[in-house]
Amino acid sequence: MRLHVRFNLRRETSIPIDHQHALQAYVYRLLAISNEEYSEFLHDEGYRSEPGGAKTSKLFCFSGLRADKSRRRLQGDRVVYSP
């Protein structure tokens, strides 16, 4: 399954350049709304590739945020997005 999220900004917004952790936390919060127990399991344990194995999978990945070059600029350690 693929989830495509689109934001329409009403005002200038800035986020840290290293925003992946915040996106991951948001995914877990969304999962918790529908099933808190599953969200906690996925966060704390995940699925093992082999029974008793050490490697776990979380079953989701995401790309970084994207915006038109004309609507974004770097400012220190943040990316500033304009509507």
PDB file of N, CA and C in Angstrom:
ATOM      1  N   MET A   1       0.844  -1.168   0.000  1.00  0.00           N
ATOM      2  CA  MET A   1       0.000   0.000   0.000  1.00  0.00           C
ATOM      3  C   MET A   1       0.894   1.238   0.000  1.00  0.00           C
ATOM      4  N   ARG A   2       0.471   2.240  -0.695  1.00  0.00           N
ATOM      5  CA  ARG A   2       1.208   3.490  -0.765  1.00  0.00           C
ATOM      6  C   ARG A   2       0.296   4.602  -0.277  1.00  0.00           C
ATOM      7  N   LEU A   3       0.837   5.432   0.573  1.00  0.00           N
ATOM      8  CA  LEU A   3       0.101   6.575   1.095  1.00  0.00           C
ATOM      9  C   LEU A   3       0.792   7.834   0.612  1.00  0.00           C
ATOM     10  N   HIS A   4       0.059   8.669  -0.062  1.00  0.00           N
ATOM     11  CA  HIS A   4       0.599   9.925  -0.582  1.00  0.00           C
ATOM     12  C   HIS A   4      -0.067  11.045   0.210  1.00  0.00           C
ATOM     13  N   VAL A   5       0.734  11.831   0.902  1.00  0.00           N
ATOM     14  CA  VAL A   5       0.209  12.923   1.721  1.00  0.00           C
ATOM     15  C   VAL A   5       0.625  14.239   1.095  1.00  0.00           C
ATOM     16  N   ARG A   6      -0.333  15.130   0.949  1.00  0.00           N
ATOM     17  CA  ARG A   6      -0.054  16.439   0.365  1.00  0.00           C
ATOM     18  C   ARG A   6      -0.500  17.512   1.355  1.00  0.00           C
ATOM     19  N   PHE A   7       0.394  18.463   1.608  1.00  0.00           N
ATOM     20  CA  PHE A   7       0.094  19.573   2.497  1.00  0.00           C
ATOM     21  C   PHE A   7      -0.064  20.849   1.680  1.00  0.00           C
ATOM     22  N   ASN A   8      -1.043  21.627   2.005  1.00  0.00           N
ATOM     23  CA  ASN A   8      -1.208  22.954   1.423  1.00  0.00           C
ATOM     24  C   ASN A   8      -0.963  23.966   2.522  1.00  0.00           C
ATOM     25  N   LEU A   9       0.102  24.712   2.371  1.00  0.00           N
ATOM     26  CA  LEU A   9       0.484  25.665   3.412  1.00  0.00           C
ATOM     27  C   LEU A   9      -0.303  26.958   3.298  1.00  0.00           C
ATOM     28  N   ARG A  10      -0.691  27.478   4.427  1.00  0.00           N
ATOM     29  CA  ARG A  10      -1.369  28.770   4.472  1.00  0.00           C
ATOM     30  C   ARG A  10      -0.427  29.873   4.934  1.00  0.00           C
ATOM     31  N   ARG A  11       0.693  29.460   5.524  1.00  0.00           N
ATOM     32  CA  ARG A  11       1.692  30.424   5.984  1.00  0.00           C
ATOM     33  C   ARG A  11       3.069  29.783   5.881  1.00  0.00           C
ATOM     34  N   GLU A  12       4.079  30.591   5.974  1.00  0.00           N
ATOM     35  CA  GLU A  12       5.445  30.086   5.913  1.00  0.00           C
ATOM     36  C   GLU A  12       5.695  29.129   7.074  1.00  0.00           C
ATOM     37  N   THR A  13       6.363  28.017   6.777  1.00  0.00           N
ATOM     38  CA  THR A  13       6.615  26.981   7.771  1.00  0.00           C
ATOM     39  C   THR A  13       8.051  26.514   7.636  1.00  0.00           C
ATOM     40  N   SER A  14       8.684  26.230   8.774  1.00  0.00           N
ATOM     41  CA  SER A  14      10.039  25.687   8.703  1.00  0.00           C
ATOM     42  C   SER A  14      10.108  24.389   9.501  1.00  0.00           C
ATOM     43  N   ILE A  15      10.929  23.472   9.008  1.00  0.00           N
ATOM     44  CA  ILE A  15      11.151  22.199   9.683  1.00  0.00           C
ATOM     45  C   ILE A  15      12.643  21.914   9.679  1.00  0.00           C
ATOM     46  N   PRO A  16      13.118  21.094  10.612  1.00  0.00           N
ATOM     47  CA  PRO A  16      14.541  20.737  10.615  1.00  0.00           C
ATOM     48  C   PRO A  16      14.919  19.996   9.344  1.00  0.00           C
ATOM     49  N   ILE A  17      16.134  20.197   8.876  1.00  0.00           N
ATOM     50  CA  ILE A  17      16.618  19.450   7.714  1.00  0.00           C
ATOM     51  C   ILE A  17      16.548  17.952   8.002  1.00  0.00           C
ATOM     52  N   ASP A  18      16.929  17.563   9.211  1.00  0.00           N
ATOM     53  CA  ASP A  18      16.883  16.160   9.632  1.00  0.00           C
ATOM     54  C   ASP A  18      15.514  15.883  10.258  1.00  0.00           C
ATOM     55  N   HIS A  19      14.490  15.724   9.423  1.00  0.00           N
ATOM     56  CA  HIS A  19      13.111  15.594   9.891  1.00  0.00           C
ATOM     57  C   HIS A  19      12.579  14.158   9.839  1.00  0.00           C
ATOM     58  N   GLN A  20      13.396  13.190   9.465  1.00  0.00           N
ATOM     59  CA  GLN A  20      12.912  11.822   9.289  1.00  0.00           C
ATOM     60  C   GLN A  20      12.361  11.228  10.588  1.00  0.00           C
ATOM     61  N   HIS A  21      12.986  11.518  11.714  1.00  0.00           N
ATOM     62  CA  HIS A  21      12.508  10.979  12.989  1.00  0.00           C
ATOM     63  C   HIS A  21      11.106  11.502  13.299  1.00  0.00           C
ATOM     64  N   ALA A  22      10.859  12.762  13.003  1.00  0.00           N
ATOM     65  CA  ALA A  22       9.536  13.342  13.235  1.00  0.00           C
ATOM     66  C   ALA A  22       8.492  12.687  12.332  1.00  0.00           C
ATOM     67  N   LEU A  23       8.837  12.393  11.083  1.00  0.00           N
ATOM     68  CA  LEU A  23       7.908  11.708  10.185  1.00  0.00           C
ATOM     69  C   LEU A  23       7.596  10.297  10.687  1.00  0.00           C
ATOM     70  N   GLN A  24       8.618   9.612  11.167  1.00  0.00           N
ATOM     71  CA  GLN A  24       8.416   8.266  11.698  1.00  0.00           C
ATOM     72  C   GLN A  24       7.493   8.309  12.915  1.00  0.00           C
ATOM     73  N   ALA A  25       7.694   9.265  13.795  1.00  0.00           N
ATOM     74  CA  ALA A  25       6.829   9.409  14.971  1.00  0.00           C
ATOM     75  C   ALA A  25       5.392   9.675  14.553  1.00  0.00           C
ATOM     76  N   TYR A  26       5.207  10.456  13.514  1.00  0.00           N
ATOM     77  CA  TYR A  26       3.868  10.756  13.013  1.00  0.00           C
ATOM     78  C   TYR A  26       3.180   9.490  12.495  1.00  0.00           C
ATOM     79  N   VAL A  27       3.920   8.641  11.800  1.00  0.00           N
ATOM     80  CA  VAL A  27       3.355   7.379  11.303  1.00  0.00           C
ATOM     81  C   VAL A  27       2.894   6.520  12.478  1.00  0.00           C
ATOM     82  N   TYR A  28       3.714   6.418  13.521  1.00  0.00           N
ATOM     83  CA  TYR A  28       3.323   5.634  14.696  1.00  0.00           C
ATOM     84  C   TYR A  28       2.086   6.223  15.369  1.00  0.00           C
ATOM     85  N   ARG A  29       1.996   7.545  15.429  1.00  0.00           N
ATOM     86  CA  ARG A  29       0.802   8.166  16.026  1.00  0.00           C
ATOM     87  C   ARG A  29      -0.441   7.861  15.209  1.00  0.00           C
ATOM     88  N   LEU A  30      -0.327   7.897  13.885  1.00  0.00           N
ATOM     89  CA  LEU A  30      -1.466   7.551  13.034  1.00  0.00           C
ATOM     90  C   LEU A  30      -1.883   6.089  13.234  1.00  0.00           C
ATOM     91  N   LEU A  31      -0.907   5.195  13.323  1.00  0.00           N
ATOM     92  CA  LEU A  31      -1.224   3.790  13.570  1.00  0.00           C
ATOM     93  C   LEU A  31      -1.908   3.612  14.917  1.00  0.00           C
ATOM     94  N   ALA A  32      -1.458   4.348  15.921  1.00  0.00           N
ATOM     95  CA  ALA A  32      -2.017   4.219  17.268  1.00  0.00           C
ATOM     96  C   ALA A  32      -3.479   4.645  17.326  1.00  0.00           C
ATOM     97  N   ILE A  33      -3.876   5.562  16.451  1.00  0.00           N
ATOM     98  CA  ILE A  33      -5.274   5.986  16.424  1.00  0.00           C
ATOM     99  C   ILE A  33      -6.183   4.806  16.092  1.00  0.00           C
ATOM    100  N   SER A  34      -5.765   3.960  15.161  1.00  0.00           N
ATOM    101  CA  SER A  34      -6.600   2.824  14.775  1.00  0.00           C
ATOM    102  C   SER A  34      -6.337   1.593  15.641  1.00  0.00           C
ATOM    103  N   ASN A  35      -5.085   1.413  16.098  1.00  0.00           N
ATOM    104  CA  ASN A  35      -4.773   0.226  16.892  1.00  0.00           C
ATOM    105  C   ASN A  35      -3.515   0.499  17.724  1.00  0.00           C
ATOM    106  N   GLU A  36      -3.722   0.954  18.939  1.00  0.00           N
ATOM    107  CA  GLU A  36      -2.586   1.329  19.790  1.00  0.00           C
ATOM    108  C   GLU A  36      -1.684   0.147  20.110  1.00  0.00           C
ATOM    109  N   GLU A  37      -2.275  -1.024  20.342  1.00  0.00           N
ATOM    110  CA  GLU A  37      -1.482  -2.212  20.657  1.00  0.00           C
ATOM    111  C   GLU A  37      -0.552  -2.581  19.502  1.00  0.00           C
ATOM    112  N   TYR A  38      -1.072  -2.530  18.273  1.00  0.00           N
ATOM    113  CA  TYR A  38      -0.249  -2.851  17.105  1.00  0.00           C
ATOM    114  C   TYR A  38       0.856  -1.814  16.923  1.00  0.00           C
ATOM    115  N   SER A  39       0.533  -0.552  17.126  1.00  0.00           N
ATOM    116  CA  SER A  39       1.534   0.500  17.007  1.00  0.00           C
ATOM    117  C   SER A  39       2.680   0.284  17.993  1.00  0.00           C
ATOM    118  N   GLU A  40       2.339  -0.059  19.221  1.00  0.00           N
ATOM    119  CA  GLU A  40       3.373  -0.318  20.239  1.00  0.00           C
ATOM    120  C   GLU A  40       4.206  -1.543  19.879  1.00  0.00           C
ATOM    121  N   PHE A  41       3.549  -2.604  19.396  1.00  0.00           N
ATOM    122  CA  PHE A  41       4.279  -3.803  18.977  1.00  0.00           C
ATOM    123  C   PHE A  41       5.258  -3.476  17.863  1.00  0.00           C
ATOM    124  N   LEU A  42       4.784  -2.765  16.866  1.00  0.00           N
ATOM    125  CA  LEU A  42       5.626  -2.438  15.722  1.00  0.00           C
ATOM    126  C   LEU A  42       6.810  -1.579  16.151  1.00  0.00           C
ATOM    127  N   HIS A  43       6.563  -0.614  17.018  1.00  0.00           N
ATOM    128  CA  HIS A  43       7.636   0.268  17.490  1.00  0.00           C
ATOM    129  C   HIS A  43       8.631  -0.487  18.364  1.00  0.00           C
ATOM    130  N   ASP A  44       8.127  -1.278  19.313  1.00  0.00           N
ATOM    131  CA  ASP A  44       9.000  -1.922  20.298  1.00  0.00           C
ATOM    132  C   ASP A  44       9.667  -3.193  19.791  1.00  0.00           C
ATOM    133  N   GLU A  45       8.955  -3.965  18.952  1.00  0.00           N
ATOM    134  CA  GLU A  45       9.478  -5.266  18.531  1.00  0.00           C
ATOM    135  C   GLU A  45       9.653  -5.389  17.028  1.00  0.00           C
ATOM    136  N   GLY A  46       8.624  -5.124  16.258  1.00  0.00           N
ATOM    137  CA  GLY A  46       8.673  -5.334  14.822  1.00  0.00           C
ATOM    138  C   GLY A  46       8.569  -6.812  14.489  1.00  0.00           C
ATOM    139  N   TYR A  47       8.704  -7.145  13.218  1.00  0.00           N
ATOM    140  CA  TYR A  47       8.623  -8.530  12.768  1.00  0.00           C
ATOM    141  C   TYR A  47      10.029  -9.058  12.534  1.00  0.00           C
ATOM    142  N   ARG A  48      10.283 -10.265  12.999  1.00  0.00           N
ATOM    143  CA  ARG A  48      11.599 -10.889  12.841  1.00  0.00           C
ATOM    144  C   ARG A  48      11.650 -11.641  11.506  1.00  0.00           C
ATOM    145  N   SER A  49      12.788 -11.527  10.817  1.00  0.00           N
ATOM    146  CA  SER A  49      12.939 -12.206   9.531  1.00  0.00           C
ATOM    147  C   SER A  49      12.996 -13.723   9.711  1.00  0.00           C
ATOM    148  N   GLU A  50      13.501 -14.174  10.864  1.00  0.00           N
ATOM    149  CA  GLU A  50      13.542 -15.600  11.207  1.00  0.00           C
ATOM    150  C   GLU A  50      13.118 -15.715  12.663  1.00  0.00           C
ATOM    151  N   PRO A  51      12.423 -16.791  13.014  1.00  0.00           N
ATOM    152  CA  PRO A  51      12.049 -16.952  14.432  1.00  0.00           C
ATOM    153  C   PRO A  51      13.286 -16.903  15.324  1.00  0.00           C
ATOM    154  N   GLY A  52      13.274 -16.041  16.296  1.00  0.00           N
ATOM    155  CA  GLY A  52      14.413 -15.895  17.196  1.00  0.00           C
ATOM    156  C   GLY A  52      15.550 -15.088  16.616  1.00  0.00           C
ATOM    157  N   GLY A  53      15.400 -14.624  15.362  1.00  0.00           N
ATOM    158  CA  GLY A  53      16.458 -13.844  14.725  1.00  0.00           C
ATOM    159  C   GLY A  53      16.568 -12.443  15.299  1.00  0.00           C
ATOM    160  N   ALA A  54      17.678 -11.812  15.048  1.00  0.00           N
ATOM    161  CA  ALA A  54      17.921 -10.478  15.599  1.00  0.00           C
ATOM    162  C   ALA A  54      17.382  -9.361  14.708  1.00  0.00           C
ATOM    163  N   LYS A  55      17.323  -9.592  13.408  1.00  0.00           N
ATOM    164  CA  LYS A  55      16.900  -8.537  12.486  1.00  0.00           C
ATOM    165  C   LYS A  55      15.382  -8.388  12.494  1.00  0.00           C
ATOM    166  N   THR A  56      14.925  -7.138  12.637  1.00  0.00           N
ATOM    167  CA  THR A  56      13.486  -6.896  12.628  1.00  0.00           C
ATOM    168  C   THR A  56      13.131  -5.922  11.508  1.00  0.00           C
ATOM    169  N   SER A  57      11.873  -6.000  11.069  1.00  0.00           N
ATOM    170  CA  SER A  57      11.354  -5.096  10.047  1.00  0.00           C
ATOM    171  C   SER A  57      10.153  -4.365  10.612  1.00  0.00           C
ATOM    172  N   LYS A  58       9.996  -3.115  10.220  1.00  0.00           N
ATOM    173  CA  LYS A  58       8.880  -2.296  10.680  1.00  0.00           C
ATOM    174  C   LYS A  58       7.773  -2.200   9.630  1.00  0.00           C
ATOM    175  N   LEU A  59       8.022  -2.646   8.418  1.00  0.00           N
ATOM    176  CA  LEU A  59       7.053  -2.730   7.332  1.00  0.00           C
ATOM    177  C   LEU A  59       6.609  -1.389   6.776  1.00  0.00           C
ATOM    178  N   PHE A  60       7.378  -0.339   6.981  1.00  0.00           N
ATOM    179  CA  PHE A  60       7.082   0.903   6.283  1.00  0.00           C
ATOM    180  C   PHE A  60       8.369   1.670   6.046  1.00  0.00           C
ATOM    181  N   CYS A  61       8.341   2.471   5.029  1.00  0.00           N
ATOM    182  CA  CYS A  61       9.442   3.364   4.729  1.00  0.00           C
ATOM    183  C   CYS A  61       8.831   4.618   4.124  1.00  0.00           C
ATOM    184  N   PHE A  62       9.596   5.665   4.033  1.00  0.00           N
ATOM    185  CA  PHE A  62       9.056   6.899   3.491  1.00  0.00           C
ATOM    186  C   PHE A  62      10.167   7.700   2.851  1.00  0.00           C
ATOM    187  N   SER A  63       9.763   8.558   1.943  1.00  0.00           N
ATOM    188  CA  SER A  63      10.726   9.458   1.321  1.00  0.00           C
ATOM    189  C   SER A  63      10.759  10.748   2.124  1.00  0.00           C
ATOM    190  N   GLY A  64      11.718  11.560   1.838  1.00  0.00           N
ATOM    191  CA  GLY A  64      11.760  12.870   2.468  1.00  0.00           C
ATOM    192  C   GLY A  64      10.661  13.767   1.922  1.00  0.00           C
ATOM    193  N   LEU A  65      10.469  14.877   2.560  1.00  0.00           N
ATOM    194  CA  LEU A  65       9.473  15.827   2.087  1.00  0.00           C
ATOM    195  C   LEU A  65       9.993  16.512   0.833  1.00  0.00           C
ATOM    196  N   ARG A  66       9.086  16.824  -0.066  1.00  0.00           N
ATOM    197  CA  ARG A  66       9.474  17.483  -1.311  1.00  0.00           C
ATOM    198  C   ARG A  66       8.613  18.719  -1.530  1.00  0.00           C
ATOM    199  N   ALA A  67       9.198  19.708  -2.146  1.00  0.00           N
ATOM    200  CA  ALA A  67       8.466  20.925  -2.511  1.00  0.00           C
ATOM    201  C   ALA A  67       9.171  21.551  -3.709  1.00  0.00           C
ATOM    202  N   ASP A  68       8.427  22.353  -4.459  1.00  0.00           N
ATOM    203  CA  ASP A  68       9.036  23.066  -5.582  1.00  0.00           C
ATOM    204  C   ASP A  68      10.203  23.902  -5.067  1.00  0.00           C
ATOM    205  N   LYS A  69      11.265  23.969  -5.855  1.00  0.00           N
ATOM    206  CA  LYS A  69      12.433  24.747  -5.454  1.00  0.00           C
ATOM    207  C   LYS A  69      12.087  26.212  -5.217  1.00  0.00           C
ATOM    208  N   SER A  70      11.091  26.707  -5.923  1.00  0.00           N
ATOM    209  CA  SER A  70      10.702  28.106  -5.758  1.00  0.00           C
ATOM    210  C   SER A  70       9.983  28.348  -4.426  1.00  0.00           C
ATOM    211  N   ARG A  71       9.569  27.281  -3.760  1.00  0.00           N
ATOM    212  CA  ARG A  71       8.824  27.418  -2.502  1.00  0.00           C
ATOM    213  C   ARG A  71       9.625  27.009  -1.283  1.00  0.00           C
ATOM    214  N   ARG A  72      10.898  26.696  -1.439  1.00  0.00           N
ATOM    215  CA  ARG A  72      11.700  26.292  -0.281  1.00  0.00           C
ATOM    216  C   ARG A  72      13.059  26.967  -0.309  1.00  0.00           C
ATOM    217  N   ARG A  73      13.611  27.162   0.878  1.00  0.00           N
ATOM    218  CA  ARG A  73      14.963  27.707   0.995  1.00  0.00           C
ATOM    219  C   ARG A  73      15.583  27.207   2.287  1.00  0.00           C
ATOM    220  N   LEU A  74      16.888  27.108   2.309  1.00  0.00           N
ATOM    221  CA  LEU A  74      17.605  26.710   3.512  1.00  0.00           C
ATOM    222  C   LEU A  74      17.854  27.930   4.371  1.00  0.00           C
ATOM    223  N   GLN A  75      17.675  27.735   5.669  1.00  0.00           N
ATOM    224  CA  GLN A  75      17.960  28.799   6.631  1.00  0.00           C
ATOM    225  C   GLN A  75      18.579  28.119   7.845  1.00  0.00           C
ATOM    226  N   GLY A  76      19.899  28.139   7.916  1.00  0.00           N
ATOM    227  CA  GLY A  76      20.595  27.443   9.000  1.00  0.00           C
ATOM    228  C   GLY A  76      20.387  25.942   8.873  1.00  0.00           C
ATOM    229  N   ASP A  77      19.890  25.309   9.948  1.00  0.00           N
ATOM    230  CA  ASP A  77      19.653  23.854   9.935  1.00  0.00           C
ATOM    231  C   ASP A  77      18.189  23.526   9.654  1.00  0.00           C
ATOM    232  N   ARG A  78      17.474  24.444   9.016  1.00  0.00           N
ATOM    233  CA  ARG A  78      16.047  24.253   8.729  1.00  0.00           C
ATOM    234  C   ARG A  78      15.751  24.497   7.255  1.00  0.00           C
ATOM    235  N   VAL A  79      14.655  23.925   6.815  1.00  0.00           N
ATOM    236  CA  VAL A  79      14.134  24.197   5.478  1.00  0.00           C
ATOM    237  C   VAL A  79      12.882  25.030   5.672  1.00  0.00           C
ATOM    238  N   VAL A  80      12.804  26.154   4.996  1.00  0.00           N
ATOM    239  CA  VAL A  80      11.660  27.048   5.102  1.00  0.00           C
ATOM    240  C   VAL A  80      10.809  26.871   3.847  1.00  0.00           C
ATOM    241  N   TYR A  81       9.529  26.567   4.061  1.00  0.00           N
ATOM    242  CA  TYR A  81       8.584  26.367   2.965  1.00  0.00           C
ATOM    243  C   TYR A  81       7.619  27.548   2.934  1.00  0.00           C
ATOM    244  N   SER A  82       7.373  28.070   1.749  1.00  0.00           N
ATOM    245  CA  SER A  82       6.438  29.196   1.563  1.00  0.00           C
ATOM    246  C   SER A  82       5.200  28.698   0.831  1.00  0.00           C
ATOM    247  N   PRO A  83       4.034  29.283   1.134  1.00  0.00           N
ATOM    248  CA  PRO A  83       2.818  28.883   0.432  1.00  0.00           C
ATOM    249  C   PRO A  83       2.849  29.275  -1.036  1.00  0.00           C
TER     250      PRO A  83
END
